[in-house]
Amino acid sequence: MTRGNQREQARAKNLKKQQEKNKGKSNLNGQTLTKKKESDAAIMRAKQEAAAAKKAAEAAAGAKK
């Protein structure tokens, strides 16, 4: 079963190579950490406002009935 062993060794070697390649990299796409946090917070605030507006509209529609 040497072929299976070679296959497993090649997979392990490639996995290690990929981990070394990606080591220390971040996925901020040129943004600093603080800018990323501010951007994420703005997105979450917009989502919360939209959800609150939807909830208020549903409550108003329910009160009319």
PDB file of N, CA and C in Angstrom:
ATOM      1  N   MET A   1       0.828  -1.183   0.000  1.00  0.00           N
ATOM      2  CA  MET A   1       0.000   0.000   0.000  1.00  0.00           C
ATOM      3  C   MET A   1       0.874   1.249   0.000  1.00  0.00           C
ATOM      4  N   THR A   2       1.932   1.221  -0.720  1.00  0.00           N
ATOM      5  CA  THR A   2       2.838   2.364  -0.751  1.00  0.00           C
ATOM      6  C   THR A   2       2.200   3.582  -1.398  1.00  0.00           C
ATOM      7  N   ARG A   3       1.349   3.377  -2.371  1.00  0.00           N
ATOM      8  CA  ARG A   3       0.752   4.529  -3.032  1.00  0.00           C
ATOM      9  C   ARG A   3      -0.125   5.321  -2.071  1.00  0.00           C
ATOM     10  N   GLY A   4      -0.877   4.634  -1.252  1.00  0.00           N
ATOM     11  CA  GLY A   4      -1.716   5.311  -0.265  1.00  0.00           C
ATOM     12  C   GLY A   4      -0.873   6.098   0.720  1.00  0.00           C
ATOM     13  N   ASN A   5       0.228   5.530   1.126  1.00  0.00           N
ATOM     14  CA  ASN A   5       1.121   6.214   2.054  1.00  0.00           C
ATOM     15  C   ASN A   5       1.737   7.440   1.402  1.00  0.00           C
ATOM     16  N   GLN A   6       2.150   7.309   0.164  1.00  0.00           N
ATOM     17  CA  GLN A   6       2.723   8.447  -0.555  1.00  0.00           C
ATOM     18  C   GLN A   6       1.689   9.563  -0.705  1.00  0.00           C
ATOM     19  N   ARG A   7       0.461   9.178  -0.967  1.00  0.00           N
ATOM     20  CA  ARG A   7      -0.615  10.142  -1.125  1.00  0.00           C
ATOM     21  C   ARG A   7      -0.838  10.908   0.176  1.00  0.00           C
ATOM     22  N   GLU A   8      -0.862  10.171   1.281  1.00  0.00           N
ATOM     23  CA  GLU A   8      -1.053  10.809   2.587  1.00  0.00           C
ATOM     24  C   GLU A   8       0.113  11.724   2.932  1.00  0.00           C
ATOM     25  N   GLN A   9       1.316  11.290   2.628  1.00  0.00           N
ATOM     26  CA  GLN A   9       2.485  12.124   2.903  1.00  0.00           C
ATOM     27  C   GLN A   9       2.458  13.389   2.052  1.00  0.00           C
ATOM     28  N   ALA A  10       2.048  13.269   0.809  1.00  0.00           N
ATOM     29  CA  ALA A  10       1.960  14.428  -0.077  1.00  0.00           C
ATOM     30  C   ALA A  10       0.902  15.408   0.426  1.00  0.00           C
ATOM     31  N   ARG A  11      -0.218  14.881   0.899  1.00  0.00           N
ATOM     32  CA  ARG A  11      -1.262  15.750   1.447  1.00  0.00           C
ATOM     33  C   ARG A  11      -0.773  16.487   2.681  1.00  0.00           C
ATOM     34  N   ALA A  12      -0.099  15.781   3.567  1.00  0.00           N
ATOM     35  CA  ALA A  12       0.426  16.401   4.782  1.00  0.00           C
ATOM     36  C   ALA A  12       1.461  17.472   4.440  1.00  0.00           C
ATOM     37  N   LYS A  13       2.322  17.186   3.486  1.00  0.00           N
ATOM     38  CA  LYS A  13       3.347  18.141   3.075  1.00  0.00           C
ATOM     39  C   LYS A  13       2.709  19.395   2.467  1.00  0.00           C
ATOM     40  N   ASN A  14       1.704  19.188   1.626  1.00  0.00           N
ATOM     41  CA  ASN A  14       1.023  20.316   0.994  1.00  0.00           C
ATOM     42  C   ASN A  14       0.267  21.150   2.025  1.00  0.00           C
ATOM     43  N   LEU A  15      -0.365  20.506   2.992  1.00  0.00           N
ATOM     44  CA  LEU A  15      -1.076  21.219   4.047  1.00  0.00           C
ATOM     45  C   LEU A  15      -0.118  22.095   4.839  1.00  0.00           C
ATOM     46  N   LYS A  16       1.029  21.548   5.187  1.00  0.00           N
ATOM     47  CA  LYS A  16       2.040  22.300   5.920  1.00  0.00           C
ATOM     48  C   LYS A  16       2.532  23.483   5.086  1.00  0.00           C
ATOM     49  N   LYS A  17       2.735  23.254   3.799  1.00  0.00           N
ATOM     50  CA  LYS A  17       3.194  24.310   2.893  1.00  0.00           C
ATOM     51  C   LYS A  17       2.165  25.439   2.815  1.00  0.00           C
ATOM     52  N   GLN A  18       0.898  25.088   2.714  1.00  0.00           N
ATOM     53  CA  GLN A  18      -0.162  26.097   2.643  1.00  0.00           C
ATOM     54  C   GLN A  18      -0.269  26.890   3.944  1.00  0.00           C
ATOM     55  N   GLN A  19      -0.099  26.220   5.082  1.00  0.00           N
ATOM     56  CA  GLN A  19      -0.146  26.910   6.367  1.00  0.00           C
ATOM     57  C   GLN A  19       1.010  27.887   6.501  1.00  0.00           C
ATOM     58  N   GLU A  20       2.178  27.499   6.046  1.00  0.00           N
ATOM     59  CA  GLU A  20       3.332  28.392   6.095  1.00  0.00           C
ATOM     60  C   GLU A  20       3.130  29.591   5.174  1.00  0.00           C
ATOM     61  N   LYS A  21       2.518  29.341   4.028  1.00  0.00           N
ATOM     62  CA  LYS A  21       2.279  30.405   3.061  1.00  0.00           C
ATOM     63  C   LYS A  21       1.315  31.448   3.620  1.00  0.00           C
ATOM     64  N   ASN A  22       0.288  30.999   4.323  1.00  0.00           N
ATOM     65  CA  ASN A  22      -0.741  31.899   4.850  1.00  0.00           C
ATOM     66  C   ASN A  22      -0.413  32.425   6.246  1.00  0.00           C
ATOM     67  N   LYS A  23       0.682  32.012   6.796  1.00  0.00           N
ATOM     68  CA  LYS A  23       1.033  32.397   8.155  1.00  0.00           C
ATOM     69  C   LYS A  23       1.292  33.907   8.235  1.00  0.00           C
ATOM     70  N   GLY A  24       0.660  34.542   9.187  1.00  0.00           N
ATOM     71  CA  GLY A  24       0.881  35.958   9.407  1.00  0.00           C
ATOM     72  C   GLY A  24       0.085  36.873   8.509  1.00  0.00           C
ATOM     73  N   LYS A  25      -0.705  36.334   7.614  1.00  0.00           N
ATOM     74  CA  LYS A  25      -1.501  37.173   6.732  1.00  0.00           C
ATOM     75  C   LYS A  25      -2.875  37.399   7.347  1.00  0.00           C
ATOM     76  N   SER A  26      -3.411  38.563   7.102  1.00  0.00           N
ATOM     77  CA  SER A  26      -4.767  38.836   7.549  1.00  0.00           C
ATOM     78  C   SER A  26      -5.637  39.079   6.330  1.00  0.00           C
ATOM     79  N   ASN A  27      -6.919  39.039   6.525  1.00  0.00           N
ATOM     80  CA  ASN A  27      -7.843  39.219   5.417  1.00  0.00           C
ATOM     81  C   ASN A  27      -8.538  40.575   5.498  1.00  0.00           C
ATOM     82  N   LEU A  28      -7.806  41.605   5.882  1.00  0.00           N
ATOM     83  CA  LEU A  28      -8.394  42.930   6.020  1.00  0.00           C
ATOM     84  C   LEU A  28      -8.451  43.685   4.694  1.00  0.00           C
ATOM     85  N   ASN A  29      -7.817  43.194   3.670  1.00  0.00           N
ATOM     86  CA  ASN A  29      -7.825  43.805   2.341  1.00  0.00           C
ATOM     87  C   ASN A  29      -7.374  45.263   2.371  1.00  0.00           C
ATOM     88  N   GLY A  30      -6.274  45.536   3.022  1.00  0.00           N
ATOM     89  CA  GLY A  30      -5.704  46.874   3.039  1.00  0.00           C
ATOM     90  C   GLY A  30      -6.252  47.778   4.118  1.00  0.00           C
ATOM     91  N   GLN A  31      -7.210  47.321   4.888  1.00  0.00           N
ATOM     92  CA  GLN A  31      -7.773  48.132   5.955  1.00  0.00           C
ATOM     93  C   GLN A  31      -7.005  47.900   7.249  1.00  0.00           C
ATOM     94  N   THR A  32      -6.966  48.930   8.079  1.00  0.00           N
ATOM     95  CA  THR A  32      -6.386  48.726   9.389  1.00  0.00           C
ATOM     96  C   THR A  32      -7.446  48.077  10.265  1.00  0.00           C
ATOM     97  N   LEU A  33      -7.029  47.555  11.388  1.00  0.00           N
ATOM     98  CA  LEU A  33      -7.953  46.862  12.274  1.00  0.00           C
ATOM     99  C   LEU A  33      -9.034  47.808  12.795  1.00  0.00           C
ATOM    100  N   THR A  34      -8.659  49.033  13.144  1.00  0.00           N
ATOM    101  CA  THR A  34      -9.653  49.971  13.675  1.00  0.00           C
ATOM    102  C   THR A  34     -10.668  50.364  12.600  1.00  0.00           C
ATOM    103  N   LYS A  35     -10.203  50.561  11.369  1.00  0.00           N
ATOM    104  CA  LYS A  35     -11.134  50.892  10.290  1.00  0.00           C
ATOM    105  C   LYS A  35     -12.084  49.733  10.031  1.00  0.00           C
ATOM    106  N   LYS A  36     -11.574  48.522  10.109  1.00  0.00           N
ATOM    107  CA  LYS A  36     -12.404  47.339   9.909  1.00  0.00           C
ATOM    108  C   LYS A  36     -13.473  47.253  10.989  1.00  0.00           C
ATOM    109  N   LYS A  37     -13.079  47.508  12.238  1.00  0.00           N
ATOM    110  CA  LYS A  37     -14.045  47.472  13.336  1.00  0.00           C
ATOM    111  C   LYS A  37     -15.114  48.543  13.165  1.00  0.00           C
ATOM    112  N   GLU A  38     -14.700  49.753  12.764  1.00  0.00           N
ATOM    113  CA  GLU A  38     -15.660  50.838  12.556  1.00  0.00           C
ATOM    114  C   GLU A  38     -16.625  50.499  11.427  1.00  0.00           C
ATOM    115  N   SER A  39     -16.103  49.926  10.366  1.00  0.00           N
ATOM    116  CA  SER A  39     -16.936  49.534   9.236  1.00  0.00           C
ATOM    117  C   SER A  39     -17.946  48.465   9.643  1.00  0.00           C
ATOM    118  N   ASP A  40     -17.483  47.470  10.377  1.00  0.00           N
ATOM    119  CA  ASP A  40     -18.371  46.407  10.839  1.00  0.00           C
ATOM    120  C   ASP A  40     -19.449  46.957  11.774  1.00  0.00           C
ATOM    121  N   ALA A  41     -19.062  47.895  12.634  1.00  0.00           N
ATOM    122  CA  ALA A  41     -20.019  48.487  13.563  1.00  0.00           C
ATOM    123  C   ALA A  41     -21.080  49.280  12.806  1.00  0.00           C
ATOM    124  N   ALA A  42     -20.678  50.010  11.777  1.00  0.00           N
ATOM    125  CA  ALA A  42     -21.636  50.772  10.976  1.00  0.00           C
ATOM    126  C   ALA A  42     -22.615  49.842  10.272  1.00  0.00           C
ATOM    127  N   ILE A  43     -22.120  48.747   9.757  1.00  0.00           N
ATOM    128  CA  ILE A  43     -22.990  47.773   9.089  1.00  0.00           C
ATOM    129  C   ILE A  43     -23.989  47.190  10.084  1.00  0.00           C
ATOM    130  N   MET A  44     -23.517  46.846  11.273  1.00  0.00           N
ATOM    131  CA  MET A  44     -24.409  46.276  12.288  1.00  0.00           C
ATOM    132  C   MET A  44     -25.460  47.291  12.739  1.00  0.00           C
ATOM    133  N   ARG A  45     -25.072  48.574  12.874  1.00  0.00           N
ATOM    134  CA  ARG A  45     -26.046  49.605  13.263  1.00  0.00           C
ATOM    135  C   ARG A  45     -27.132  49.727  12.193  1.00  0.00           C
ATOM    136  N   ALA A  46     -26.735  49.687  10.935  1.00  0.00           N
ATOM    137  CA  ALA A  46     -27.709  49.783   9.844  1.00  0.00           C
ATOM    138  C   ALA A  46     -28.667  48.593   9.873  1.00  0.00           C
ATOM    139  N   LYS A  47     -28.151  47.423  10.127  1.00  0.00           N
ATOM    140  CA  LYS A  47     -29.004  46.235  10.209  1.00  0.00           C
ATOM    141  C   LYS A  47     -29.974  46.332  11.372  1.00  0.00           C
ATOM    142  N   GLN A  48     -29.482  46.820  12.528  1.00  0.00           N
ATOM    143  CA  GLN A  48     -30.335  46.955  13.705  1.00  0.00           C
ATOM    144  C   GLN A  48     -31.437  47.988  13.470  1.00  0.00           C
ATOM    145  N   GLU A  49     -31.096  49.094  12.812  1.00  0.00           N
ATOM    146  CA  GLU A  49     -32.101  50.106  12.506  1.00  0.00           C
ATOM    147  C   GLU A  49     -33.157  49.553  11.561  1.00  0.00           C
ATOM    148  N   ALA A  50     -32.734  48.785  10.569  1.00  0.00           N
ATOM    149  CA  ALA A  50     -33.680  48.187   9.627  1.00  0.00           C
ATOM    150  C   ALA A  50     -34.593  47.196  10.341  1.00  0.00           C
ATOM    151  N   ALA A  51     -34.041  46.411  11.237  1.00  0.00           N
ATOM    152  CA  ALA A  51     -34.847  45.443  11.981  1.00  0.00           C
ATOM    153  C   ALA A  51     -35.830  46.152  12.897  1.00  0.00           C
ATOM    154  N   ALA A  52     -35.404  47.227  13.529  1.00  0.00           N
ATOM    155  CA  ALA A  52     -36.290  47.987  14.413  1.00  0.00           C
ATOM    156  C   ALA A  52     -37.417  48.633  13.610  1.00  0.00           C
ATOM    157  N   ALA A  53     -37.098  49.159  12.433  1.00  0.00           N
ATOM    158  CA  ALA A  53     -38.122  49.763  11.588  1.00  0.00           C
ATOM    159  C   ALA A  53     -39.136  48.721  11.136  1.00  0.00           C
ATOM    160  N   LYS A  54     -38.644  47.546  10.787  1.00  0.00           N
ATOM    161  CA  LYS A  54     -39.539  46.474  10.361  1.00  0.00           C
ATOM    162  C   LYS A  54     -40.447  46.044  11.507  1.00  0.00           C
ATOM    163  N   LYS A  55     -39.889  45.947  12.698  1.00  0.00           N
ATOM    164  CA  LYS A  55     -40.652  45.555  13.868  1.00  0.00           C
ATOM    165  C   LYS A  55     -41.710  46.606  14.196  1.00  0.00           C
ATOM    166  N   ALA A  56     -41.341  47.876  14.077  1.00  0.00           N
ATOM    167  CA  ALA A  56     -42.277  48.953  14.336  1.00  0.00           C
ATOM    168  C   ALA A  56     -43.412  48.950  13.306  1.00  0.00           C
ATOM    169  N   ALA A  57     -43.069  48.681  12.052  1.00  0.00           N
ATOM    170  CA  ALA A  57     -44.089  48.620  11.003  1.00  0.00           C
ATOM    171  C   ALA A  57     -45.042  47.462  11.242  1.00  0.00           C
ATOM    172  N   GLU A  58     -44.531  46.347  11.665  1.00  0.00           N
ATOM    173  CA  GLU A  58     -45.378  45.192  11.959  1.00  0.00           C
ATOM    174  C   GLU A  58     -46.288  45.473  13.154  1.00  0.00           C
ATOM    175  N   ALA A  59     -45.752  46.168  14.166  1.00  0.00           N
ATOM    176  CA  ALA A  59     -46.543  46.508  15.340  1.00  0.00           C
ATOM    177  C   ALA A  59     -47.647  47.498  14.963  1.00  0.00           C
ATOM    178  N   ALA A  60     -47.319  48.450  14.099  1.00  0.00           N
ATOM    179  CA  ALA A  60     -48.328  49.424  13.660  1.00  0.00           C
ATOM    180  C   ALA A  60     -49.406  48.743  12.827  1.00  0.00           C
ATOM    181  N   ALA A  61     -49.015  47.797  11.996  1.00  0.00           N
ATOM    182  CA  ALA A  61     -49.987  47.068  11.176  1.00  0.00           C
ATOM    183  C   ALA A  61     -50.865  46.196  12.064  1.00  0.00           C
ATOM    184  N   GLY A  62     -50.294  45.647  13.102  1.00  0.00           N
ATOM    185  CA  GLY A  62     -51.064  44.820  14.030  1.00  0.00           C
ATOM    186  C   GLY A  62     -52.024  45.640  14.858  1.00  0.00           C
ATOM    187  N   ALA A  63     -51.684  46.877  15.173  1.00  0.00           N
ATOM    188  CA  ALA A  63     -52.532  47.743  15.971  1.00  0.00           C
ATOM    189  C   ALA A  63     -53.720  48.247  15.159  1.00  0.00           C
ATOM    190  N   LYS A  64     -53.550  48.343  13.853  1.00  0.00           N
ATOM    191  CA  LYS A  64     -54.638  48.833  12.992  1.00  0.00           C
ATOM    192  C   LYS A  64     -55.751  47.813  12.868  1.00  0.00           C
ATOM    193  N   LYS A  65     -55.441  46.550  13.022  1.00  0.00           N
ATOM    194  CA  LYS A  65     -56.442  45.499  12.850  1.00  0.00           C
ATOM    195  C   LYS A  65     -57.414  45.458  13.958  1.00  0.00           C
TER     196      LYS A  65
END
